[in-house]
Amino acid sequence: MELTTKSALGLAGLLWLSGCAPTVNLEPAEAANTPECANMTVRLPETVAGELRRNVNAQATAAWGEPVGIIVRCGVPMPEPTPLPCVEVAGIDWLRDDRDAPRFIFTTYGLNPATEVIVDSELASGTQALRDLAGAIGSQSEPVQRCIDPSDVLY
């Protein structure tokens, strides 16, 4: 009887804990229904930058942390060349938009469709998040273009 009571209390505790993290409401990107996004989404890790994955309500999206510090959206339009800084992390080129710092938007450069990773740098490390996500996002497709350094452009 005691084991049954402990089991019931353990199950109730698990249900209570899962009830503390409601589903994160996100908007799917325009091309979220592509095979590339499906391929990437099924490979996303359970932990990113030390944060646990949350339930989401939109296709080809994911979120980590409570409060949410990292969001992934696959299927955003492939960016055109831009003056935004481009950084390479774990073999993937990323455009870094810091206009809303401490919230940073990293968008893959050269992957079609593109994936964006939104990181609240007060809650998570952007560099660590991109490293942890590289395996999944890199499996999405082969790059069709790469970032170049402005000094490489001939005038």
N, C-alpha and C. Protein backbone atom coordinates (compact mmCIF):
# COMPACT_ATOMS: atom_id res chain seq x y z
N MET A 1 0.83 -1.19 0.00
CA MET A 1 0.00 0.00 0.00
C MET A 1 0.87 1.25 0.00
N GLU A 2 1.96 1.22 0.76
CA GLU A 2 2.83 2.38 0.83
C GLU A 2 3.47 2.68 -0.52
N LEU A 3 3.89 1.65 -1.27
CA LEU A 3 4.47 1.86 -2.59
C LEU A 3 3.45 2.49 -3.53
N THR A 4 2.20 2.05 -3.44
CA THR A 4 1.15 2.60 -4.29
C THR A 4 0.92 4.06 -3.96
N THR A 5 0.93 4.41 -2.70
CA THR A 5 0.75 5.80 -2.29
C THR A 5 1.92 6.65 -2.77
N LYS A 6 3.15 6.15 -2.62
CA LYS A 6 4.31 6.89 -3.11
C LYS A 6 4.26 7.04 -4.62
N SER A 7 3.85 5.98 -5.32
CA SER A 7 3.76 6.06 -6.78
C SER A 7 2.73 7.09 -7.19
N ALA A 8 1.59 7.10 -6.51
CA ALA A 8 0.54 8.06 -6.83
C ALA A 8 1.01 9.48 -6.55
N LEU A 9 1.72 9.68 -5.44
CA LEU A 9 2.24 11.01 -5.13
C LEU A 9 3.28 11.44 -6.15
N GLY A 10 4.13 10.50 -6.59
CA GLY A 10 5.13 10.81 -7.61
C GLY A 10 4.49 11.19 -8.92
N LEU A 11 3.45 10.46 -9.33
CA LEU A 11 2.73 10.76 -10.56
C LEU A 11 2.04 12.11 -10.46
N ALA A 12 1.42 12.38 -9.32
CA ALA A 12 0.76 13.67 -9.12
C ALA A 12 1.78 14.80 -9.19
N GLY A 13 2.97 14.58 -8.62
CA GLY A 13 4.03 15.58 -8.68
C GLY A 13 4.49 15.83 -10.10
N LEU A 14 4.63 14.77 -10.88
CA LEU A 14 5.01 14.90 -12.28
C LEU A 14 3.96 15.67 -13.06
N LEU A 15 2.71 15.34 -12.85
CA LEU A 15 1.63 16.04 -13.55
C LEU A 15 1.60 17.51 -13.14
N TRP A 16 1.84 17.78 -11.86
CA TRP A 16 1.85 19.15 -11.39
C TRP A 16 3.00 19.93 -12.04
N LEU A 17 4.19 19.31 -12.10
CA LEU A 17 5.34 19.97 -12.72
C LEU A 17 5.09 20.24 -14.19
N SER A 18 4.52 19.30 -14.91
CA SER A 18 4.27 19.51 -16.34
C SER A 18 3.21 20.57 -16.55
N GLY A 19 2.34 20.75 -15.58
CA GLY A 19 1.31 21.78 -15.69
C GLY A 19 1.85 23.17 -15.44
N CYS A 20 3.06 23.28 -14.88
CA CYS A 20 3.65 24.59 -14.59
C CYS A 20 4.19 25.25 -15.85
N ALA A 21 4.45 24.51 -16.88
CA ALA A 21 5.03 25.07 -18.09
C ALA A 21 4.01 24.99 -19.22
N PRO A 22 3.18 26.03 -19.35
CA PRO A 22 2.17 25.99 -20.41
C PRO A 22 2.82 26.02 -21.80
N THR A 23 2.03 25.66 -22.78
CA THR A 23 2.48 25.67 -24.16
C THR A 23 2.86 27.09 -24.57
N VAL A 24 3.97 27.22 -25.27
CA VAL A 24 4.44 28.51 -25.76
C VAL A 24 3.75 28.79 -27.10
N ASN A 25 3.09 29.92 -27.19
CA ASN A 25 2.39 30.30 -28.42
C ASN A 25 3.35 31.01 -29.36
N LEU A 26 3.59 30.41 -30.52
CA LEU A 26 4.49 30.98 -31.51
C LEU A 26 3.79 31.05 -32.86
N GLU A 27 4.32 31.87 -33.75
CA GLU A 27 3.81 31.98 -35.11
C GLU A 27 4.71 31.17 -36.04
N PRO A 28 4.13 30.29 -36.86
CA PRO A 28 4.98 29.57 -37.81
C PRO A 28 5.46 30.53 -38.90
N ALA A 29 6.62 30.24 -39.45
CA ALA A 29 7.15 31.03 -40.56
C ALA A 29 6.42 30.63 -41.84
N GLU A 30 6.59 31.46 -42.85
CA GLU A 30 5.90 31.27 -44.13
C GLU A 30 6.13 29.90 -44.75
N ALA A 31 7.36 29.40 -44.70
CA ALA A 31 7.69 28.11 -45.31
C ALA A 31 7.92 27.02 -44.27
N ALA A 32 7.19 27.08 -43.17
CA ALA A 32 7.36 26.11 -42.08
C ALA A 32 7.03 24.68 -42.49
N ASN A 33 6.24 24.52 -43.53
CA ASN A 33 5.80 23.17 -43.93
C ASN A 33 6.72 22.49 -44.93
N THR A 34 7.93 22.99 -45.13
CA THR A 34 8.86 22.37 -46.08
C THR A 34 9.50 21.12 -45.50
N PRO A 35 9.93 20.20 -46.37
CA PRO A 35 10.64 19.01 -45.87
C PRO A 35 11.91 19.36 -45.12
N GLU A 36 12.60 20.44 -45.52
CA GLU A 36 13.83 20.85 -44.84
C GLU A 36 13.55 21.22 -43.39
N CYS A 37 12.44 21.93 -43.16
CA CYS A 37 12.09 22.30 -41.78
C CYS A 37 11.68 21.08 -40.97
N ALA A 38 10.96 20.17 -41.60
CA ALA A 38 10.57 18.94 -40.89
C ALA A 38 11.81 18.15 -40.51
N ASN A 39 12.77 18.05 -41.42
CA ASN A 39 14.02 17.33 -41.18
C ASN A 39 14.78 17.95 -40.00
N MET A 40 14.81 19.27 -39.94
CA MET A 40 15.51 19.96 -38.87
C MET A 40 14.77 19.82 -37.54
N THR A 41 13.46 20.01 -37.57
CA THR A 41 12.67 20.04 -36.35
C THR A 41 12.77 18.73 -35.56
N VAL A 42 12.76 17.60 -36.24
CA VAL A 42 12.82 16.32 -35.53
C VAL A 42 14.18 16.06 -34.91
N ARG A 43 15.18 16.85 -35.27
CA ARG A 43 16.53 16.68 -34.73
C ARG A 43 16.87 17.68 -33.63
N LEU A 44 15.95 18.56 -33.29
CA LEU A 44 16.24 19.57 -32.26
C LEU A 44 16.46 18.91 -30.91
N PRO A 45 17.45 19.38 -30.15
CA PRO A 45 17.77 18.77 -28.85
C PRO A 45 16.77 19.16 -27.77
N GLU A 46 16.76 18.37 -26.71
CA GLU A 46 15.89 18.63 -25.56
C GLU A 46 16.44 19.75 -24.68
N THR A 47 17.76 19.94 -24.72
CA THR A 47 18.39 20.99 -23.92
C THR A 47 19.23 21.87 -24.83
N VAL A 48 19.08 23.18 -24.69
CA VAL A 48 19.88 24.16 -25.44
C VAL A 48 20.36 25.22 -24.45
N ALA A 49 21.66 25.46 -24.47
CA ALA A 49 22.27 26.45 -23.56
C ALA A 49 21.83 26.22 -22.11
N GLY A 50 21.71 24.95 -21.74
CA GLY A 50 21.34 24.60 -20.38
C GLY A 50 19.85 24.72 -20.07
N GLU A 51 19.04 25.07 -21.06
CA GLU A 51 17.60 25.24 -20.86
C GLU A 51 16.83 24.07 -21.45
N LEU A 52 15.74 23.67 -20.79
CA LEU A 52 14.91 22.57 -21.24
C LEU A 52 13.92 23.02 -22.29
N ARG A 53 13.64 22.12 -23.23
CA ARG A 53 12.70 22.39 -24.31
C ARG A 53 11.27 22.48 -23.78
N ARG A 54 10.49 23.37 -24.37
CA ARG A 54 9.10 23.60 -24.00
C ARG A 54 8.18 23.10 -25.10
N ASN A 55 6.92 22.89 -24.77
CA ASN A 55 5.90 22.57 -25.77
C ASN A 55 5.53 23.86 -26.51
N VAL A 56 5.36 23.75 -27.82
CA VAL A 56 4.97 24.90 -28.64
C VAL A 56 3.74 24.53 -29.46
N ASN A 57 3.08 25.53 -30.03
CA ASN A 57 1.84 25.29 -30.76
C ASN A 57 1.96 25.53 -32.26
N ALA A 58 3.17 25.74 -32.78
CA ALA A 58 3.32 26.08 -34.19
C ALA A 58 4.31 25.15 -34.87
N GLN A 59 4.03 24.83 -36.12
CA GLN A 59 4.87 23.94 -36.91
C GLN A 59 6.25 24.55 -37.12
N ALA A 60 7.28 23.71 -37.05
CA ALA A 60 8.68 24.08 -37.32
C ALA A 60 9.18 25.18 -36.39
N THR A 61 8.72 25.15 -35.14
CA THR A 61 9.19 26.09 -34.12
C THR A 61 9.60 25.30 -32.89
N ALA A 62 10.36 25.95 -32.03
CA ALA A 62 10.74 25.33 -30.76
C ALA A 62 11.10 26.44 -29.79
N ALA A 63 11.05 26.12 -28.50
CA ALA A 63 11.39 27.10 -27.46
C ALA A 63 12.05 26.36 -26.30
N TRP A 64 12.96 27.08 -25.62
CA TRP A 64 13.64 26.53 -24.46
C TRP A 64 13.66 27.57 -23.35
N GLY A 65 13.54 27.08 -22.11
CA GLY A 65 13.67 27.92 -20.93
C GLY A 65 12.34 28.35 -20.35
N GLU A 66 12.39 28.64 -19.05
CA GLU A 66 11.21 29.19 -18.37
C GLU A 66 11.68 30.25 -17.40
N PRO A 67 11.56 31.52 -17.77
CA PRO A 67 10.88 32.01 -18.97
C PRO A 67 11.66 31.66 -20.24
N VAL A 68 10.98 31.74 -21.36
CA VAL A 68 11.59 31.38 -22.64
C VAL A 68 12.74 32.32 -22.96
N GLY A 69 13.91 31.73 -23.21
CA GLY A 69 15.09 32.52 -23.56
C GLY A 69 15.57 32.25 -24.96
N ILE A 70 15.08 31.14 -25.58
CA ILE A 70 15.54 30.75 -26.92
C ILE A 70 14.33 30.29 -27.73
N ILE A 71 14.20 30.80 -28.93
CA ILE A 71 13.13 30.40 -29.84
C ILE A 71 13.74 30.09 -31.20
N VAL A 72 13.27 29.02 -31.84
CA VAL A 72 13.68 28.66 -33.19
C VAL A 72 12.46 28.70 -34.09
N ARG A 73 12.62 29.28 -35.28
CA ARG A 73 11.56 29.31 -36.30
C ARG A 73 12.20 28.95 -37.63
N CYS A 74 11.85 27.83 -38.19
CA CYS A 74 12.34 27.42 -39.50
C CYS A 74 11.31 27.84 -40.55
N GLY A 75 11.82 28.22 -41.73
CA GLY A 75 10.93 28.57 -42.83
C GLY A 75 10.83 30.06 -43.10
N VAL A 76 11.71 30.85 -42.48
CA VAL A 76 11.71 32.28 -42.77
C VAL A 76 12.39 32.49 -44.12
N PRO A 77 12.10 33.60 -44.81
CA PRO A 77 12.72 33.83 -46.11
C PRO A 77 14.24 33.89 -46.01
N MET A 78 14.90 33.38 -47.04
CA MET A 78 16.34 33.42 -47.10
C MET A 78 16.77 34.88 -47.25
N PRO A 79 17.63 35.38 -46.36
CA PRO A 79 18.01 36.80 -46.42
C PRO A 79 18.86 37.12 -47.64
N GLU A 80 18.67 38.34 -48.11
CA GLU A 80 19.51 38.90 -49.17
C GLU A 80 20.82 39.37 -48.54
N PRO A 81 21.83 39.65 -49.36
CA PRO A 81 23.05 40.25 -48.79
C PRO A 81 22.70 41.50 -47.99
N THR A 82 23.38 41.69 -46.89
CA THR A 82 23.04 42.73 -45.93
C THR A 82 24.28 43.23 -45.21
N PRO A 83 24.21 44.44 -44.66
CA PRO A 83 25.35 44.92 -43.87
C PRO A 83 25.38 44.34 -42.44
N LEU A 84 24.37 43.54 -42.07
CA LEU A 84 24.39 42.94 -40.73
C LEU A 84 25.64 42.07 -40.59
N PRO A 85 26.21 42.02 -39.38
CA PRO A 85 27.38 41.17 -39.18
C PRO A 85 27.03 39.70 -39.41
N CYS A 86 27.97 39.01 -40.04
CA CYS A 86 27.81 37.58 -40.28
C CYS A 86 28.89 36.85 -39.50
N VAL A 87 28.46 35.87 -38.71
CA VAL A 87 29.38 35.07 -37.91
C VAL A 87 29.20 33.61 -38.27
N GLU A 88 30.27 32.86 -38.19
CA GLU A 88 30.20 31.41 -38.43
C GLU A 88 30.30 30.72 -37.08
N VAL A 89 29.33 29.88 -36.80
CA VAL A 89 29.33 29.09 -35.58
C VAL A 89 29.08 27.64 -35.96
N ALA A 90 30.01 26.78 -35.65
CA ALA A 90 29.90 25.34 -35.91
C ALA A 90 29.56 25.05 -37.36
N GLY A 91 30.19 25.78 -38.29
CA GLY A 91 30.01 25.51 -39.72
C GLY A 91 28.80 26.15 -40.36
N ILE A 92 28.03 26.92 -39.61
CA ILE A 92 26.83 27.57 -40.14
C ILE A 92 27.05 29.08 -40.10
N ASP A 93 26.71 29.76 -41.21
CA ASP A 93 26.79 31.22 -41.25
C ASP A 93 25.50 31.80 -40.68
N TRP A 94 25.65 32.80 -39.81
CA TRP A 94 24.52 33.44 -39.15
C TRP A 94 24.61 34.95 -39.30
N LEU A 95 23.51 35.59 -39.67
CA LEU A 95 23.42 37.03 -39.59
C LEU A 95 22.97 37.36 -38.17
N ARG A 96 23.63 38.36 -37.57
CA ARG A 96 23.30 38.74 -36.20
C ARG A 96 22.66 40.13 -36.18
N ASP A 97 21.40 40.16 -35.78
CA ASP A 97 20.67 41.42 -35.67
C ASP A 97 20.55 41.76 -34.19
N ASP A 98 21.25 42.81 -33.77
CA ASP A 98 21.25 43.18 -32.36
C ASP A 98 20.52 44.50 -32.12
N ARG A 99 19.66 44.91 -33.06
CA ARG A 99 18.93 46.17 -32.91
C ARG A 99 17.97 46.16 -31.72
N ASP A 100 17.60 44.97 -31.24
CA ASP A 100 16.69 44.88 -30.09
C ASP A 100 17.41 44.29 -28.88
N ALA A 101 18.73 44.53 -28.77
CA ALA A 101 19.51 43.99 -27.66
C ALA A 101 18.88 44.41 -26.33
N PRO A 102 18.86 43.49 -25.38
CA PRO A 102 19.60 42.24 -25.25
C PRO A 102 18.94 41.04 -25.93
N ARG A 103 17.95 41.29 -26.76
CA ARG A 103 17.33 40.21 -27.55
C ARG A 103 17.99 40.23 -28.93
N PHE A 104 18.61 39.11 -29.30
CA PHE A 104 19.32 39.00 -30.56
C PHE A 104 18.58 38.05 -31.49
N ILE A 105 18.55 38.40 -32.77
CA ILE A 105 17.96 37.51 -33.77
C ILE A 105 19.09 37.05 -34.68
N PHE A 106 19.32 35.75 -34.70
CA PHE A 106 20.32 35.13 -35.57
C PHE A 106 19.56 34.44 -36.69
N THR A 107 19.90 34.73 -37.94
CA THR A 107 19.24 34.11 -39.09
C THR A 107 20.29 33.41 -39.94
N THR A 108 20.01 32.16 -40.29
CA THR A 108 20.97 31.44 -41.13
C THR A 108 21.14 32.19 -42.44
N TYR A 109 22.38 32.20 -42.92
CA TYR A 109 22.67 32.82 -44.20
C TYR A 109 23.12 31.71 -45.14
N GLY A 110 22.38 31.54 -46.23
CA GLY A 110 22.74 30.54 -47.22
C GLY A 110 21.91 29.27 -47.18
N LEU A 111 21.09 29.09 -46.15
CA LEU A 111 20.20 27.93 -46.10
C LEU A 111 18.83 28.34 -46.63
N ASN A 112 18.23 27.46 -47.43
CA ASN A 112 16.92 27.75 -48.01
C ASN A 112 15.97 26.61 -47.72
N PRO A 113 14.92 26.84 -46.91
CA PRO A 113 14.56 28.09 -46.26
C PRO A 113 15.49 28.40 -45.10
N ALA A 114 15.44 29.63 -44.66
CA ALA A 114 16.29 30.05 -43.55
C ALA A 114 15.63 29.71 -42.22
N THR A 115 16.46 29.69 -41.18
CA THR A 115 15.99 29.47 -39.82
C THR A 115 16.44 30.64 -38.97
N GLU A 116 15.54 31.12 -38.10
CA GLU A 116 15.96 32.17 -37.18
C GLU A 116 15.95 31.63 -35.76
N VAL A 117 16.93 32.09 -35.00
CA VAL A 117 17.04 31.75 -33.59
C VAL A 117 17.02 33.07 -32.83
N ILE A 118 16.04 33.21 -31.97
CA ILE A 118 15.89 34.43 -31.18
C ILE A 118 16.37 34.10 -29.77
N VAL A 119 17.33 34.89 -29.28
CA VAL A 119 17.92 34.62 -27.97
C VAL A 119 17.84 35.87 -27.10
N ASP A 120 17.27 35.70 -25.93
CA ASP A 120 17.30 36.76 -24.92
C ASP A 120 18.60 36.56 -24.16
N SER A 121 19.58 37.43 -24.40
CA SER A 121 20.91 37.22 -23.82
C SER A 121 20.94 37.42 -22.31
N GLU A 122 19.86 37.92 -21.72
CA GLU A 122 19.80 38.00 -20.27
C GLU A 122 19.41 36.65 -19.67
N LEU A 123 18.91 35.74 -20.52
CA LEU A 123 18.47 34.42 -20.04
C LEU A 123 19.32 33.27 -20.57
N ALA A 124 20.02 33.47 -21.70
CA ALA A 124 20.78 32.38 -22.31
C ALA A 124 21.92 32.94 -23.14
N SER A 125 22.92 32.13 -23.37
CA SER A 125 24.06 32.49 -24.22
C SER A 125 23.72 32.22 -25.68
N GLY A 126 23.81 33.24 -26.51
CA GLY A 126 23.53 33.07 -27.93
C GLY A 126 24.53 32.14 -28.60
N THR A 127 25.80 32.30 -28.27
CA THR A 127 26.83 31.44 -28.87
C THR A 127 26.60 29.99 -28.50
N GLN A 128 26.30 29.73 -27.22
CA GLN A 128 26.06 28.34 -26.80
C GLN A 128 24.80 27.79 -27.46
N ALA A 129 23.76 28.62 -27.58
CA ALA A 129 22.53 28.17 -28.23
C ALA A 129 22.81 27.77 -29.67
N LEU A 130 23.56 28.59 -30.41
CA LEU A 130 23.86 28.26 -31.81
C LEU A 130 24.71 27.00 -31.91
N ARG A 131 25.64 26.82 -30.99
CA ARG A 131 26.44 25.58 -30.98
C ARG A 131 25.56 24.36 -30.73
N ASP A 132 24.67 24.47 -29.74
CA ASP A 132 23.80 23.34 -29.39
C ASP A 132 22.81 23.00 -30.50
N LEU A 133 22.43 24.00 -31.29
CA LEU A 133 21.45 23.80 -32.37
C LEU A 133 22.09 23.43 -33.70
N ALA A 134 23.40 23.54 -33.80
CA ALA A 134 24.09 23.36 -35.08
C ALA A 134 23.83 22.01 -35.73
N GLY A 135 23.82 20.94 -34.96
CA GLY A 135 23.60 19.62 -35.55
C GLY A 135 22.25 19.52 -36.23
N ALA A 136 21.22 20.03 -35.59
CA ALA A 136 19.87 19.97 -36.16
C ALA A 136 19.74 20.92 -37.34
N ILE A 137 20.17 22.16 -37.17
CA ILE A 137 20.00 23.15 -38.23
C ILE A 137 20.90 22.84 -39.42
N GLY A 138 22.10 22.33 -39.16
CA GLY A 138 22.99 21.95 -40.25
C GLY A 138 22.47 20.79 -41.08
N SER A 139 21.57 19.98 -40.50
CA SER A 139 21.00 18.84 -41.25
C SER A 139 19.86 19.27 -42.18
N GLN A 140 19.45 20.53 -42.05
CA GLN A 140 18.31 21.06 -42.81
C GLN A 140 18.56 21.00 -44.31
N SER A 141 19.70 21.51 -44.76
CA SER A 141 20.04 21.50 -46.19
C SER A 141 21.47 21.96 -46.35
N GLU A 142 22.00 21.79 -47.55
CA GLU A 142 23.33 22.30 -47.86
C GLU A 142 23.24 23.79 -48.14
N PRO A 143 24.23 24.57 -47.72
CA PRO A 143 24.20 26.01 -48.00
C PRO A 143 24.26 26.28 -49.51
N VAL A 144 23.48 27.25 -49.95
CA VAL A 144 23.51 27.65 -51.36
C VAL A 144 24.38 28.89 -51.54
N GLN A 145 24.78 29.54 -50.46
CA GLN A 145 25.72 30.65 -50.48
C GLN A 145 26.35 30.78 -49.10
N ARG A 146 27.46 31.50 -49.02
CA ARG A 146 28.19 31.69 -47.77
C ARG A 146 28.44 33.19 -47.57
N CYS A 147 28.67 33.57 -46.34
CA CYS A 147 29.05 34.95 -46.05
C CYS A 147 30.46 35.19 -46.57
N ILE A 148 30.70 36.42 -46.97
CA ILE A 148 32.06 36.81 -47.34
C ILE A 148 32.44 38.03 -46.50
N ASP A 149 33.72 38.19 -46.32
CA ASP A 149 34.23 39.35 -45.60
C ASP A 149 34.22 40.54 -46.55
N PRO A 150 33.81 41.71 -46.09
CA PRO A 150 33.81 42.88 -46.97
C PRO A 150 35.16 43.13 -47.63
N SER A 151 36.26 42.77 -46.97
CA SER A 151 37.58 42.98 -47.56
C SER A 151 37.85 42.05 -48.74
N ASP A 152 37.01 41.00 -48.91
CA ASP A 152 37.17 40.07 -50.02
C ASP A 152 36.51 40.57 -51.30
N VAL A 153 35.73 41.63 -51.20
CA VAL A 153 35.02 42.14 -52.37
C VAL A 153 35.94 43.07 -53.15
N LEU A 154 36.05 42.83 -54.44
CA LEU A 154 36.88 43.68 -55.30
C LEU A 154 36.09 44.89 -55.73
N TYR A 155 36.71 46.02 -55.69
CA TYR A 155 36.05 47.26 -56.15
C TYR A 155 36.54 47.65 -57.50
